[in-house]
Amino acid sequence: MCCCRFCDFSGKYPPLWRGTSQSDTLDRYTSRTCYWFFVILIINILSAALGHGGWGLIGANLLINVIEVVVAYTLFRGLKKIFSGAFARGGIATLASLFCGNLVMIAIILVSGVQGVTQSTSQMLVGLSLLAGVNMGVAIIEAVITGMIITYIIRMRPDMLESERP
């Protein structure tokens, strides 16, 4: 988000890349895929620089993170017709996006393989499924926290989420 605001305030980029005013909403940022792509890329580069996963995993992590963001955003917006409350929509969108991220992670590992492992593909799938199960357990906590944060933002600053304005 800091990267998005910097691009918006700097004024050095053409209007396609920066917002039309300093009060652009989060919805406008999320609708500009290039912003989120670059934010996710920068986060993955910084994460690799700090030793999380290494430089070789930037592409895989980028793919997983982009899929998670797209699924969460699409579901959060799409579920507005079914659920009026932002807490439920935020929680469901978070759970679904993390589930999709887990599926992509499993697919990447199964397709690329793991060096130095003598396990068969089915054995790796069992182990990765256990890992995904643990991840989804943590995702429930993350979904509750995300729902609470979104509800708080809508109560305190509805102008930040254009689609949630009264």
C-alpha atoms as a PDB file:
ATOM      1  CA  MET A   1       0.000   0.000   0.000  1.00  0.00           C
ATOM      2  CA  CYS A   2       2.896   2.322   0.742  1.00  0.00           C
ATOM      3  CA  CYS A   3       4.212   1.697  -2.759  1.00  0.00           C
ATOM      4  CA  CYS A   4       0.791   2.566  -4.217  1.00  0.00           C
ATOM      5  CA  ARG A   5       0.594   5.810  -2.253  1.00  0.00           C
ATOM      6  CA  PHE A   6       4.129   6.749  -3.244  1.00  0.00           C
ATOM      7  CA  CYS A   7       3.320   6.269  -6.921  1.00  0.00           C
ATOM      8  CA  ASP A   8       0.123   8.243  -6.490  1.00  0.00           C
ATOM      9  CA  PHE A   9       1.690  11.189  -4.670  1.00  0.00           C
ATOM     10  CA  SER A  10       4.899  11.445  -6.659  1.00  0.00           C
ATOM     11  CA  GLY A  11       3.211  12.689  -9.816  1.00  0.00           C
ATOM     12  CA  LYS A  12       6.095  11.432 -11.958  1.00  0.00           C
ATOM     13  CA  TYR A  13       4.013   8.772 -13.674  1.00  0.00           C
ATOM     14  CA  PRO A  14       1.376   9.307 -16.371  1.00  0.00           C
ATOM     15  CA  PRO A  15      -2.285   9.209 -15.258  1.00  0.00           C
ATOM     16  CA  LEU A  16      -2.556   5.536 -16.261  1.00  0.00           C
ATOM     17  CA  TRP A  17      -0.100   4.654 -13.480  1.00  0.00           C
ATOM     18  CA  ARG A  18      -1.137   7.093 -10.782  1.00  0.00           C
ATOM     19  CA  GLY A  19      -4.450   8.109  -9.303  1.00  0.00           C
ATOM     20  CA  THR A  20      -6.400  11.172 -10.300  1.00  0.00           C
ATOM     21  CA  SER A  21      -6.321  12.599  -6.787  1.00  0.00           C
ATOM     22  CA  GLN A  22      -4.688  11.993  -3.450  1.00  0.00           C
ATOM     23  CA  SER A  23      -7.945  10.666  -2.030  1.00  0.00           C
ATOM     24  CA  ASP A  24      -8.134   7.614  -4.291  1.00  0.00           C
ATOM     25  CA  THR A  25      -9.871   4.710  -2.604  1.00  0.00           C
ATOM     26  CA  LEU A  26      -8.665   1.178  -1.975  1.00  0.00           C
ATOM     27  CA  ASP A  27     -11.150  -0.066  -4.563  1.00  0.00           C
ATOM     28  CA  ARG A  28      -9.489   2.011  -7.222  1.00  0.00           C
ATOM     29  CA  TYR A  29      -6.106   0.589  -6.254  1.00  0.00           C
ATOM     30  CA  THR A  30      -7.332  -2.966  -6.328  1.00  0.00           C
ATOM     31  CA  SER A  31      -8.945  -2.432  -9.707  1.00  0.00           C
ATOM     32  CA  ARG A  32      -5.553  -1.408 -11.081  1.00  0.00           C
ATOM     33  CA  THR A  33      -3.890  -4.790 -11.284  1.00  0.00           C
ATOM     34  CA  CYS A  34      -0.493  -3.280 -12.049  1.00  0.00           C
ATOM     35  CA  TYR A  35      -0.344  -1.705  -8.577  1.00  0.00           C
ATOM     36  CA  TRP A  36      -0.998  -4.932  -6.736  1.00  0.00           C
ATOM     37  CA  PHE A  37       1.298  -6.893  -9.005  1.00  0.00           C
ATOM     38  CA  PHE A  38       4.197  -4.551  -8.224  1.00  0.00           C
ATOM     39  CA  VAL A  39       3.394  -4.446  -4.506  1.00  0.00           C
ATOM     40  CA  ILE A  40       3.370  -8.257  -4.376  1.00  0.00           C
ATOM     41  CA  LEU A  41       6.600  -8.413  -6.408  1.00  0.00           C
ATOM     42  CA  ILE A  42       8.356  -5.957  -4.075  1.00  0.00           C
ATOM     43  CA  ILE A  43       7.153  -7.861  -1.001  1.00  0.00           C
ATOM     44  CA  ASN A  44       8.460 -11.134  -2.451  1.00  0.00           C
ATOM     45  CA  ILE A  45      11.822  -9.560  -3.339  1.00  0.00           C
ATOM     46  CA  LEU A  46      12.190  -8.129   0.178  1.00  0.00           C
ATOM     47  CA  SER A  47      11.120 -11.466   1.636  1.00  0.00           C
ATOM     48  CA  ALA A  48      13.748 -13.291  -0.444  1.00  0.00           C
ATOM     49  CA  ALA A  49      16.371 -10.747   0.603  1.00  0.00           C
ATOM     50  CA  LEU A  50      15.580 -11.526   4.235  1.00  0.00           C
ATOM     51  CA  GLY A  51      16.039 -15.248   3.594  1.00  0.00           C
ATOM     52  CA  HIS A  52      12.451 -16.460   3.258  1.00  0.00           C
ATOM     53  CA  GLY A  53      12.456 -19.025   0.451  1.00  0.00           C
ATOM     54  CA  GLY A  54      15.416 -17.649  -1.422  1.00  0.00           C
ATOM     55  CA  TRP A  55      15.641 -15.922  -4.776  1.00  0.00           C
ATOM     56  CA  GLY A  56      14.535 -18.972  -6.732  1.00  0.00           C
ATOM     57  CA  LEU A  57      11.049 -18.931  -5.230  1.00  0.00           C
ATOM     58  CA  ILE A  58      10.102 -15.363  -6.147  1.00  0.00           C
ATOM     59  CA  GLY A  59       8.223 -16.519  -9.250  1.00  0.00           C
ATOM     60  CA  ALA A  60       6.316 -19.272  -7.457  1.00  0.00           C
ATOM     61  CA  ASN A  61       5.450 -17.026  -4.529  1.00  0.00           C
ATOM     62  CA  LEU A  62       4.406 -14.261  -6.924  1.00  0.00           C
ATOM     63  CA  LEU A  63       2.071 -16.637  -8.765  1.00  0.00           C
ATOM     64  CA  ILE A  64       0.508 -17.876  -5.533  1.00  0.00           C
ATOM     65  CA  ASN A  65       0.104 -14.366  -4.108  1.00  0.00           C
ATOM     66  CA  VAL A  66      -1.430 -12.929  -7.274  1.00  0.00           C
ATOM     67  CA  ILE A  67      -3.966 -15.770  -7.402  1.00  0.00           C
ATOM     68  CA  GLU A  68      -4.839 -15.196  -3.744  1.00  0.00           C
ATOM     69  CA  VAL A  69      -5.362 -11.458  -4.273  1.00  0.00           C
ATOM     70  CA  VAL A  70      -7.489 -11.928  -7.397  1.00  0.00           C
ATOM     71  CA  VAL A  71      -9.675 -14.608  -5.770  1.00  0.00           C
ATOM     72  CA  ALA A  72     -10.131 -12.593  -2.553  1.00  0.00           C
ATOM     73  CA  TYR A  73     -10.986  -9.363  -4.356  1.00  0.00           C
ATOM     74  CA  THR A  74     -13.391 -11.065  -6.767  1.00  0.00           C
ATOM     75  CA  LEU A  75     -15.190 -12.946  -4.006  1.00  0.00           C
ATOM     76  CA  PHE A  76     -15.373  -9.943  -1.676  1.00  0.00           C
ATOM     77  CA  ARG A  77     -17.035  -7.898  -4.405  1.00  0.00           C
ATOM     78  CA  GLY A  78     -19.162 -10.765  -5.730  1.00  0.00           C
ATOM     79  CA  LEU A  79     -20.514 -11.864  -2.359  1.00  0.00           C
ATOM     80  CA  LYS A  80     -22.047  -8.443  -1.726  1.00  0.00           C
ATOM     81  CA  LYS A  81     -25.254  -9.656  -3.380  1.00  0.00           C
ATOM     82  CA  ILE A  82     -25.482 -12.599  -0.951  1.00  0.00           C
ATOM     83  CA  PHE A  83     -24.058 -11.183   2.299  1.00  0.00           C
ATOM     84  CA  SER A  84     -24.623  -7.585   3.286  1.00  0.00           C
ATOM     85  CA  GLY A  85     -22.090  -7.712   6.118  1.00  0.00           C
ATOM     86  CA  ALA A  86     -18.452  -7.094   5.336  1.00  0.00           C
ATOM     87  CA  PHE A  87     -17.278  -9.444   8.087  1.00  0.00           C
ATOM     88  CA  ALA A  88     -18.749 -12.527   6.402  1.00  0.00           C
ATOM     89  CA  ARG A  89     -17.613 -11.479   2.944  1.00  0.00           C
ATOM     90  CA  GLY A  90     -14.093 -10.724   4.148  1.00  0.00           C
ATOM     91  CA  GLY A  91     -13.837 -14.006   6.025  1.00  0.00           C
ATOM     92  CA  ILE A  92     -15.166 -16.120   3.178  1.00  0.00           C
ATOM     93  CA  ALA A  93     -12.996 -14.342   0.620  1.00  0.00           C
ATOM     94  CA  THR A  94      -9.927 -14.850   2.804  1.00  0.00           C
ATOM     95  CA  LEU A  95     -10.605 -18.550   3.359  1.00  0.00           C
ATOM     96  CA  ALA A  96     -11.298 -19.189  -0.326  1.00  0.00           C
ATOM     97  CA  SER A  97      -8.236 -17.281  -1.506  1.00  0.00           C
ATOM     98  CA  LEU A  98      -5.937 -19.096   0.919  1.00  0.00           C
ATOM     99  CA  PHE A  99      -7.449 -22.426  -0.116  1.00  0.00           C
ATOM    100  CA  CYS A 100      -6.718 -21.583  -3.776  1.00  0.00           C
ATOM    101  CA  GLY A 101      -3.203 -20.521  -2.789  1.00  0.00           C
ATOM    102  CA  ASN A 102      -2.678 -23.880  -1.102  1.00  0.00           C
ATOM    103  CA  LEU A 103      -3.888 -25.721  -4.210  1.00  0.00           C
ATOM    104  CA  VAL A 104      -1.498 -23.750  -6.410  1.00  0.00           C
ATOM    105  CA  MET A 105       1.364 -24.370  -3.974  1.00  0.00           C
ATOM    106  CA  ILE A 106       0.696 -28.118  -4.053  1.00  0.00           C
ATOM    107  CA  ALA A 107       0.492 -28.107  -7.854  1.00  0.00           C
ATOM    108  CA  ILE A 108       3.763 -26.181  -8.215  1.00  0.00           C
ATOM    109  CA  ILE A 109       5.616 -28.575  -5.908  1.00  0.00           C
ATOM    110  CA  LEU A 110       4.158 -31.702  -7.508  1.00  0.00           C
ATOM    111  CA  VAL A 111       4.897 -30.498 -11.048  1.00  0.00           C
ATOM    112  CA  SER A 112       8.410 -29.233 -10.336  1.00  0.00           C
ATOM    113  CA  GLY A 113       9.402 -31.916  -7.865  1.00  0.00           C
ATOM    114  CA  VAL A 114      11.693 -31.593  -4.883  1.00  0.00           C
ATOM    115  CA  GLN A 115      15.420 -32.207  -5.268  1.00  0.00           C
ATOM    116  CA  GLY A 116      16.913 -34.840  -3.034  1.00  0.00           C
ATOM    117  CA  VAL A 117      13.579 -36.383  -2.071  1.00  0.00           C
ATOM    118  CA  THR A 118      13.043 -40.072  -2.736  1.00  0.00           C
ATOM    119  CA  GLN A 119       9.295 -39.997  -2.082  1.00  0.00           C
ATOM    120  CA  SER A 120       6.830 -40.884  -4.788  1.00  0.00           C
ATOM    121  CA  THR A 121       4.349 -38.319  -6.077  1.00  0.00           C
ATOM    122  CA  SER A 122       1.534 -39.864  -4.039  1.00  0.00           C
ATOM    123  CA  GLN A 123       3.640 -39.749  -0.871  1.00  0.00           C
ATOM    124  CA  MET A 124       4.481 -36.111  -1.538  1.00  0.00           C
ATOM    125  CA  LEU A 125       0.782 -35.382  -2.120  1.00  0.00           C
ATOM    126  CA  VAL A 126      -0.095 -36.864   1.281  1.00  0.00           C
ATOM    127  CA  GLY A 127       2.549 -34.740   3.004  1.00  0.00           C
ATOM    128  CA  LEU A 128       1.531 -31.596   1.124  1.00  0.00           C
ATOM    129  CA  SER A 129      -2.130 -32.241   1.945  1.00  0.00           C
ATOM    130  CA  LEU A 130      -1.242 -32.367   5.634  1.00  0.00           C
ATOM    131  CA  LEU A 131       0.655 -29.099   5.249  1.00  0.00           C
ATOM    132  CA  ALA A 132      -2.326 -27.533   3.464  1.00  0.00           C
ATOM    133  CA  GLY A 133      -4.614 -28.736   6.275  1.00  0.00           C
ATOM    134  CA  VAL A 134      -2.457 -27.004   8.872  1.00  0.00           C
ATOM    135  CA  ASN A 135      -2.346 -23.887   6.679  1.00  0.00           C
ATOM    136  CA  MET A 136      -6.142 -23.868   6.461  1.00  0.00           C
ATOM    137  CA  GLY A 137      -6.363 -24.140  10.236  1.00  0.00           C
ATOM    138  CA  VAL A 138      -4.332 -20.963  10.502  1.00  0.00           C
ATOM    139  CA  ALA A 139      -6.391 -19.476   7.644  1.00  0.00           C
ATOM    140  CA  ILE A 140      -9.509 -19.629   9.827  1.00  0.00           C
ATOM    141  CA  ILE A 141      -7.833 -17.336  12.336  1.00  0.00           C
ATOM    142  CA  GLU A 142      -6.646 -15.095   9.508  1.00  0.00           C
ATOM    143  CA  ALA A 143     -10.177 -14.961   8.054  1.00  0.00           C
ATOM    144  CA  VAL A 144     -11.652 -13.845  11.385  1.00  0.00           C
ATOM    145  CA  ILE A 145      -8.987 -11.158  11.803  1.00  0.00           C
ATOM    146  CA  THR A 146      -9.442  -9.975   8.188  1.00  0.00           C
ATOM    147  CA  GLY A 147     -13.211  -9.771   8.658  1.00  0.00           C
ATOM    148  CA  MET A 148     -12.729  -7.727  11.820  1.00  0.00           C
ATOM    149  CA  ILE A 149     -10.275  -5.361  10.126  1.00  0.00           C
ATOM    150  CA  ILE A 150     -12.562  -4.811   7.134  1.00  0.00           C
ATOM    151  CA  THR A 151     -15.539  -4.177   9.442  1.00  0.00           C
ATOM    152  CA  TYR A 152     -13.468  -1.666  11.418  1.00  0.00           C
ATOM    153  CA  ILE A 153     -12.314   0.142   8.273  1.00  0.00           C
ATOM    154  CA  ILE A 154     -15.892   0.384   6.982  1.00  0.00           C
ATOM    155  CA  ARG A 155     -17.119   1.789  10.306  1.00  0.00           C
ATOM    156  CA  MET A 156     -14.306   4.286  10.763  1.00  0.00           C
ATOM    157  CA  ARG A 157     -13.313   5.214   7.203  1.00  0.00           C
ATOM    158  CA  PRO A 158     -15.938   4.105   4.663  1.00  0.00           C
ATOM    159  CA  ASP A 159     -14.324   6.423   2.117  1.00  0.00           C
ATOM    160  CA  MET A 160     -11.372   4.000   1.915  1.00  0.00           C
ATOM    161  CA  LEU A 161     -13.583   1.319   0.364  1.00  0.00           C
ATOM    162  CA  GLU A 162     -15.640   2.979  -2.327  1.00  0.00           C
ATOM    163  CA  SER A 163     -17.984   0.006  -2.766  1.00  0.00           C
ATOM    164  CA  GLU A 164     -18.887   0.163   0.950  1.00  0.00           C
ATOM    165  CA  ARG A 165     -19.981   3.773   1.105  1.00  0.00           C
ATOM    166  CA  PRO A 166     -23.462   4.208   2.577  1.00  0.00           C
END
